[in-house]
Amino acid sequence: MINDIKQYEQIADLLKAIAHPARICIIRGLMNKGSCNVSYMQDCLNLPQSTVSQHLQKLKSLGIIKGERNGLQINYSISNETIINIINAIFPDES
């Protein structure tokens, strides 16, 4: 057994962050679309903008996604290959 508790803590934090249906949906949507803004996600998820923003903030704080400003809007995209691998493992028939 590898005794690198920091590595395990990082993986556990990533798994905790995606342990919500809306966050999984956001990640899968970004994987499929490449990037999009919060308004697009809000329409797809049928959730209030503030709720989507809270989920995005959680994902962004852990480096799972990144935001790139484009004028007045921010386009989000996946910035963590490990998450892509995890989601592909969970949904193997759709990768």
Protein backbone atom coordinates (compact mmCIF):
# COMPACT_ATOMS: atom_id res chain seq x y z
CA MET A 1 0.00 0.00 0.00
CA ILE A 2 1.27 3.45 -0.92
CA ASN A 3 1.52 5.71 2.11
CA ASP A 4 0.96 9.08 0.43
CA ILE A 5 -2.00 10.45 2.38
CA LYS A 6 -1.85 13.81 0.53
CA GLN A 7 -2.55 12.07 -2.78
CA TYR A 8 -5.50 10.22 -1.23
CA GLU A 9 -6.84 13.45 0.25
CA GLN A 10 -6.72 15.15 -3.15
CA ILE A 11 -8.57 12.28 -4.82
CA ALA A 12 -11.13 12.21 -1.99
CA ASP A 13 -11.71 15.96 -2.40
CA LEU A 14 -12.29 15.51 -6.14
CA LEU A 15 -14.75 12.68 -5.51
CA LYS A 16 -16.60 14.72 -2.88
CA ALA A 17 -16.85 17.63 -5.29
CA ILE A 18 -18.52 15.54 -7.98
CA ALA A 19 -20.78 13.73 -5.52
CA HIS A 20 -23.77 15.85 -6.57
CA PRO A 21 -26.05 15.21 -9.57
CA ALA A 22 -25.89 18.83 -10.79
CA ARG A 23 -22.08 18.85 -10.68
CA ILE A 24 -21.86 15.57 -12.58
CA CYS A 25 -24.23 17.04 -15.16
CA ILE A 26 -22.14 20.23 -15.42
CA ILE A 27 -18.94 18.24 -15.91
CA ARG A 28 -20.48 15.91 -18.50
CA GLY A 29 -21.98 18.87 -20.31
CA LEU A 30 -18.62 20.63 -20.43
CA MET A 31 -16.95 17.44 -21.62
CA ASN A 32 -19.47 17.20 -24.47
CA LYS A 33 -19.69 20.88 -25.39
CA GLY A 34 -16.13 21.98 -24.63
CA SER A 35 -17.09 25.21 -22.92
CA CYS A 36 -20.18 27.24 -22.10
CA ASN A 37 -21.43 30.01 -19.83
CA VAL A 38 -23.61 29.90 -16.74
CA SER A 39 -26.76 31.00 -18.62
CA TYR A 40 -26.50 28.01 -20.96
CA MET A 41 -25.98 25.66 -17.99
CA GLN A 42 -28.88 27.24 -16.12
CA ASP A 43 -31.22 26.51 -19.03
CA CYS A 44 -29.95 22.92 -19.39
CA LEU A 45 -30.12 22.15 -15.66
CA ASN A 46 -33.35 24.05 -15.03
CA LEU A 47 -31.83 25.50 -11.86
CA PRO A 48 -31.58 29.12 -10.66
CA GLN A 49 -28.48 30.98 -11.79
CA SER A 50 -27.30 31.39 -8.18
CA THR A 51 -27.44 27.62 -7.62
CA VAL A 52 -25.48 26.90 -10.80
CA SER A 53 -22.92 29.55 -9.80
CA GLN A 54 -22.45 27.89 -6.40
CA HIS A 55 -21.79 24.54 -8.06
CA LEU A 56 -19.37 26.17 -10.50
CA GLN A 57 -17.52 27.86 -7.64
CA LYS A 58 -17.07 24.54 -5.85
CA LEU A 59 -15.72 22.89 -9.02
CA LYS A 60 -13.50 25.86 -9.79
CA SER A 61 -12.05 26.06 -6.28
CA LEU A 62 -10.73 22.51 -6.65
CA GLY A 63 -9.29 23.11 -10.11
CA ILE A 64 -11.82 20.84 -11.83
CA ILE A 65 -12.99 23.60 -14.15
CA LYS A 66 -11.64 26.97 -15.21
CA GLY A 67 -13.38 30.13 -16.32
CA GLU A 68 -12.31 32.35 -19.17
CA ARG A 69 -13.78 35.82 -19.49
CA ASN A 70 -15.26 36.70 -22.87
CA GLY A 71 -16.63 40.21 -22.63
CA LEU A 72 -19.33 40.24 -19.98
CA GLN A 73 -19.63 36.48 -19.67
CA ILE A 74 -17.37 33.72 -18.41
CA ASN A 75 -17.05 30.51 -20.39
CA TYR A 76 -16.23 27.46 -18.30
CA SER A 77 -14.31 24.38 -19.38
CA ILE A 78 -12.76 21.28 -17.79
CA SER A 79 -9.22 21.79 -16.53
CA ASN A 80 -8.59 18.45 -14.80
CA GLU A 81 -7.81 15.29 -16.78
CA THR A 82 -8.38 13.08 -13.73
CA ILE A 83 -12.03 14.16 -13.58
CA ILE A 84 -12.45 13.37 -17.27
CA ASN A 85 -11.07 9.88 -16.62
CA ILE A 86 -13.36 9.39 -13.60
CA ILE A 87 -16.47 10.49 -15.49
CA ASN A 88 -15.52 8.28 -18.46
CA ALA A 89 -15.12 5.34 -16.06
CA ILE A 90 -18.56 6.00 -14.54
CA PHE A 91 -20.19 6.33 -17.97
CA PRO A 92 -18.10 3.95 -20.10
CA ASP A 93 -20.66 3.53 -22.89
CA GLU A 94 -20.86 7.27 -23.50
CA SER A 95 -17.18 8.24 -23.78
